Amino acid sequence: MSPWGALKERDLHAVEDMDRPDCDRERLNRSYARFPVVNRLLSGWHKTYRNRFRPLLASRGTASVLDIGCGGGDIARSLVMWAKKDGFTLEVTAIDPDERAYTFAANVPAVEGVTYRQAHSSDMVAEGRAFDVVLSNHILHHLDAEGLAAVLRDSESLGRRLVLHNDLKRSNASYLLFKAGFWPLGIGSFICGDGLVSIKRSYTSSELEALAPPGWRVEANGPWHHLLAYGEGASARDHHD
């Protein structure tokens, strides 16, 4: 089937190879190891740090963060290092229910301020935890309707100040450009194939707005992503470098 037909609606039947419990472990670990490149080029977290985290840190000097579905943990490590460079302190708890992701993240060189746990967001709620900021990167499109609603409920409970769920924006352009530009990273890993599946499973802005519970808002985050945001704080477009 042409991708154009598939991209008219979310492809809920497509499954990423990384999500298969019997996928090749070496290819999976290579994928985790290459996530920092993908996220640095596409996901916009440094801009989000400047526009959303830095103003919060400027007023307080420190903040606690929960990273839900952290994968290889590169977002958590980057945020802590950016904050340290600016003279601030972030304490990030990075969680993932997948033992494979947790094992990989826990075995990369340690970064002070990042703690990894094999856990669901619901486990954090059950423990009575709370964080200044709750975030995720590229997990919303993995979830069915029930799972999405549960993560958003957990996020409301866990986030004291701000919640930011960053996810891909489905479009023909993003599909073609990712396929053309990121195939080298797919050699020996799941990056390219799973990235294309992720785009097919992801939401348009209007679809995400229709699903967002009261109090949540969908914000643009560059051409390929949007943020599903909750809590205080101005939109990223209200801040400048």
Protein backbone atom coordinates (compact mmCIF):
# COMPACT_ATOMS: atom_id res chain seq x y z
CA MET A 1 0.00 0.00 0.00
CA SER A 2 1.15 3.52 -0.73
CA PRO A 3 2.07 5.47 2.43
CA TRP A 4 -0.39 8.17 1.37
CA GLY A 5 -3.38 5.93 2.04
CA ALA A 6 -1.96 4.77 5.36
CA LEU A 7 -1.22 8.30 6.51
CA LYS A 8 -4.78 9.54 6.11
CA GLU A 9 -5.59 7.81 9.40
CA ARG A 10 -3.49 6.42 12.23
CA ASP A 11 -2.24 2.93 11.50
CA LEU A 12 -3.15 1.23 14.77
CA HIS A 13 -2.23 -2.22 13.50
CA ALA A 14 1.41 -1.45 12.75
CA VAL A 15 3.82 -2.69 15.43
CA GLU A 16 7.33 -1.42 15.97
CA ASP A 17 9.97 -4.17 16.02
CA MET A 18 11.42 -2.70 19.21
CA ASP A 19 8.11 -3.39 20.95
CA ARG A 20 8.25 -7.09 20.11
CA PRO A 21 9.49 -9.07 23.13
CA ASP A 22 11.53 -11.40 20.89
CA CYS A 23 13.28 -8.72 18.85
CA ASP A 24 17.05 -8.95 18.34
CA ARG A 25 18.70 -7.60 21.49
CA GLU A 26 21.85 -6.36 19.75
CA ARG A 27 19.84 -4.37 17.20
CA LEU A 28 17.69 -3.06 20.03
CA ASN A 29 20.71 -1.83 21.97
CA ARG A 30 22.12 -0.19 18.85
CA SER A 31 18.78 1.59 18.47
CA TYR A 32 18.94 2.88 22.04
CA ALA A 33 22.53 3.99 21.43
CA ARG A 34 21.48 5.99 18.35
CA PHE A 35 18.45 7.66 19.92
CA PRO A 36 20.54 10.67 21.02
CA VAL A 37 21.30 11.49 17.38
CA VAL A 38 17.65 11.23 16.35
CA ASN A 39 16.43 13.27 19.29
CA ARG A 40 19.10 15.92 18.89
CA LEU A 41 18.16 16.41 15.24
CA LEU A 42 14.40 16.12 15.42
CA SER A 43 12.82 16.21 18.87
CA GLY A 44 13.49 19.81 19.90
CA TRP A 45 14.33 19.19 23.53
CA HIS A 46 17.09 21.79 23.72
CA LYS A 47 14.64 24.45 22.58
CA THR A 48 12.09 23.12 25.07
CA TYR A 49 14.73 23.26 27.80
CA ARG A 50 15.51 26.90 26.97
CA ASN A 51 11.88 27.97 26.73
CA ARG A 52 10.26 25.93 29.48
CA PHE A 53 12.82 24.56 31.91
CA ARG A 54 15.26 27.46 32.11
CA PRO A 55 12.64 30.05 33.18
CA LEU A 56 11.50 27.69 35.92
CA LEU A 57 15.06 27.04 37.04
CA ALA A 58 15.90 30.74 36.95
CA SER A 59 13.28 31.39 39.62
CA ARG A 60 14.10 28.39 41.80
CA GLY A 61 17.58 27.10 40.92
CA THR A 62 16.46 23.48 41.07
CA ALA A 63 13.61 21.27 39.93
CA SER A 64 12.56 17.64 39.98
CA VAL A 65 11.58 15.87 36.76
CA LEU A 66 9.92 12.58 35.87
CA ASP A 67 10.71 11.15 32.42
CA ILE A 68 8.04 8.56 31.53
CA GLY A 69 9.06 5.85 29.06
CA CYS A 70 12.65 7.03 28.99
CA GLY A 71 13.99 4.37 26.61
CA GLY A 72 17.77 4.68 26.59
CA GLY A 73 17.63 7.68 28.94
CA ASP A 74 19.27 10.24 26.65
CA ILE A 75 16.65 12.97 27.19
CA ALA A 76 17.09 12.78 30.96
CA ARG A 77 20.88 12.97 30.68
CA SER A 78 20.73 15.90 28.25
CA LEU A 79 18.38 17.94 30.43
CA VAL A 80 20.57 17.47 33.50
CA MET A 81 23.74 18.46 31.60
CA TRP A 82 22.12 21.54 30.02
CA ALA A 83 20.92 22.66 33.43
CA LYS A 84 24.34 22.11 34.99
CA LYS A 85 25.95 24.18 32.23
CA ASP A 86 23.59 27.02 33.14
CA GLY A 87 24.40 26.69 36.83
CA PHE A 88 21.15 24.96 37.81
CA THR A 89 20.25 21.56 39.24
CA LEU A 90 17.77 19.10 37.79
CA GLU A 91 17.00 15.83 39.53
CA VAL A 92 15.49 13.48 36.95
CA THR A 93 13.82 10.16 37.66
CA ALA A 94 13.75 8.29 34.34
CA ILE A 95 11.35 5.35 34.23
CA ASP A 96 10.55 2.66 31.68
CA PRO A 97 8.55 -0.53 32.26
CA ASP A 98 10.65 -2.44 29.71
CA GLU A 99 13.48 -4.35 31.38
CA ARG A 100 15.55 -4.05 28.21
CA ALA A 101 15.37 -0.25 28.18
CA TYR A 102 16.09 -0.05 31.90
CA THR A 103 19.11 -2.35 31.59
CA PHE A 104 20.56 -0.34 28.72
CA ALA A 105 20.04 3.03 30.44
CA ALA A 106 21.42 1.80 33.76
CA ASN A 107 24.62 0.65 32.06
CA VAL A 108 25.56 3.80 30.18
CA PRO A 109 28.05 6.13 31.88
CA ALA A 110 26.32 7.61 34.90
CA VAL A 111 25.25 11.25 34.97
CA GLU A 112 24.83 12.76 38.41
CA GLY A 113 21.23 13.81 38.87
CA VAL A 114 19.67 11.01 36.79
CA THR A 115 18.08 7.99 38.47
CA TYR A 116 16.70 5.11 36.38
CA ARG A 117 13.88 2.83 37.44
CA GLN A 118 11.99 0.00 35.80
CA ALA A 119 8.48 1.26 36.49
CA HIS A 120 5.17 2.51 35.13
CA SER A 121 3.81 5.99 35.81
CA SER A 122 1.11 4.29 37.87
CA ASP A 123 3.83 2.97 40.21
CA MET A 124 4.92 6.55 40.87
CA VAL A 125 1.32 7.51 41.66
CA ALA A 126 0.97 4.55 44.01
CA GLU A 127 4.12 5.68 45.84
CA GLY A 128 2.67 9.18 46.29
CA ARG A 129 5.44 10.79 44.28
CA ALA A 130 5.27 14.30 42.80
CA PHE A 131 7.59 16.20 40.48
CA ASP A 132 7.91 19.79 39.30
CA VAL A 133 7.87 18.65 35.66
CA VAL A 134 6.61 15.44 34.07
CA LEU A 135 7.64 14.68 30.50
CA SER A 136 7.75 11.99 27.87
CA ASN A 137 9.23 11.66 24.41
CA HIS A 138 7.64 9.58 21.65
CA ILE A 139 5.40 7.43 23.83
CA LEU A 140 1.89 8.72 23.07
CA HIS A 141 1.65 7.00 19.68
CA HIS A 142 2.52 3.66 21.31
CA LEU A 143 -0.57 3.76 23.53
CA ASP A 144 -4.13 2.64 22.91
CA ALA A 145 -6.97 4.91 24.03
CA GLU A 146 -7.11 3.39 27.50
CA GLY A 147 -3.36 3.59 27.96
CA LEU A 148 -3.25 7.20 26.80
CA ALA A 149 -6.00 8.22 29.20
CA ALA A 150 -4.21 6.45 32.06
CA VAL A 151 -0.87 8.15 31.37
CA LEU A 152 -2.53 11.56 31.21
CA ARG A 153 -4.34 10.93 34.51
CA ASP A 154 -1.09 9.83 36.11
CA SER A 155 0.67 12.89 34.70
CA GLU A 156 -1.90 15.25 36.20
CA SER A 157 -1.39 13.58 39.57
CA LEU A 158 2.41 13.52 39.39
CA GLY A 159 3.15 16.95 37.89
CA ARG A 160 3.20 19.86 40.33
CA ARG A 161 4.03 22.56 37.82
CA LEU A 162 4.09 21.38 34.22
CA VAL A 163 3.56 18.30 32.04
CA LEU A 164 5.06 18.04 28.55
CA HIS A 165 4.43 15.00 26.35
CA ASN A 166 6.43 15.40 23.13
CA ASP A 167 5.35 13.26 20.21
CA LEU A 168 5.63 12.95 16.46
CA LYS A 169 3.22 14.74 14.13
CA ARG A 170 1.92 12.53 11.32
CA SER A 171 2.30 13.92 7.82
CA ASN A 172 3.37 12.83 4.35
CA ALA A 173 6.35 15.19 4.52
CA SER A 174 7.63 13.79 7.82
CA TYR A 175 7.32 10.23 6.52
CA LEU A 176 9.25 10.90 3.32
CA LEU A 177 11.93 13.08 4.90
CA PHE A 178 12.58 10.62 7.72
CA LYS A 179 12.85 7.76 5.23
CA ALA A 180 15.24 9.72 3.04
CA GLY A 181 17.37 11.23 5.79
CA PHE A 182 17.62 8.59 8.50
CA TRP A 183 18.11 5.33 6.61
CA PRO A 184 21.85 5.25 7.52
CA LEU A 185 20.94 5.06 11.22
CA GLY A 186 18.75 2.07 10.41
CA ILE A 187 21.69 -0.07 9.38
CA GLY A 188 22.03 -2.69 12.12
CA SER A 189 19.27 -1.10 14.19
CA PHE A 190 15.51 -0.55 14.24
CA ILE A 191 15.76 3.23 13.88
CA CYS A 192 14.54 3.70 10.32
CA GLY A 193 11.84 1.03 10.08
CA ASP A 194 10.41 1.72 13.52
CA GLY A 195 10.61 5.46 12.95
CA LEU A 196 8.39 5.14 9.90
CA VAL A 197 5.95 2.95 11.84
CA SER A 198 5.94 5.56 14.61
CA ILE A 199 4.99 8.28 12.15
CA LYS A 200 2.15 6.14 10.78
CA ARG A 201 0.88 5.55 14.32
CA SER A 202 1.23 9.16 15.46
CA TYR A 203 -1.43 11.89 15.67
CA THR A 204 -2.13 15.01 13.71
CA SER A 205 -2.59 18.11 15.86
CA SER A 206 -6.36 18.09 15.34
CA GLU A 207 -6.61 14.41 16.33
CA LEU A 208 -4.63 15.03 19.51
CA GLU A 209 -6.71 18.10 20.35
CA ALA A 210 -9.88 16.02 20.02
CA LEU A 211 -8.52 13.47 22.51
CA ALA A 212 -7.03 15.94 25.00
CA PRO A 213 -8.92 16.08 28.32
CA PRO A 214 -9.96 19.46 29.78
CA GLY A 215 -6.96 21.52 30.87
CA TRP A 216 -4.62 20.01 28.29
CA ARG A 217 -3.41 21.90 25.22
CA VAL A 218 -1.63 20.93 22.03
CA GLU A 219 1.31 23.17 21.14
CA ALA A 220 3.52 23.18 18.07
CA ASN A 221 7.07 21.99 18.64
CA GLY A 222 8.83 22.53 15.35
CA PRO A 223 7.64 21.08 12.04
CA TRP A 224 7.70 17.40 13.06
CA HIS A 225 6.45 17.35 16.65
CA HIS A 226 3.82 18.68 18.98
CA LEU A 227 3.62 18.96 22.74
CA LEU A 228 0.60 17.84 24.71
CA ALA A 229 0.96 20.16 27.68
CA TYR A 230 -0.75 20.57 31.04
CA GLY A 231 -0.22 22.94 33.94
CA GLU A 232 1.26 26.36 34.39
CA GLY A 233 3.76 28.06 32.16
CA ALA A 234 3.46 30.10 29.01
CA SER A 235 3.52 28.44 25.63
CA ALA A 236 6.99 27.90 24.23
CA ARG A 237 6.32 30.52 21.56
CA ASP A 238 6.07 33.19 24.29
CA HIS A 239 9.78 32.86 25.09
CA HIS A 240 12.73 33.71 22.94
CA ASP A 241 16.42 32.78 22.97
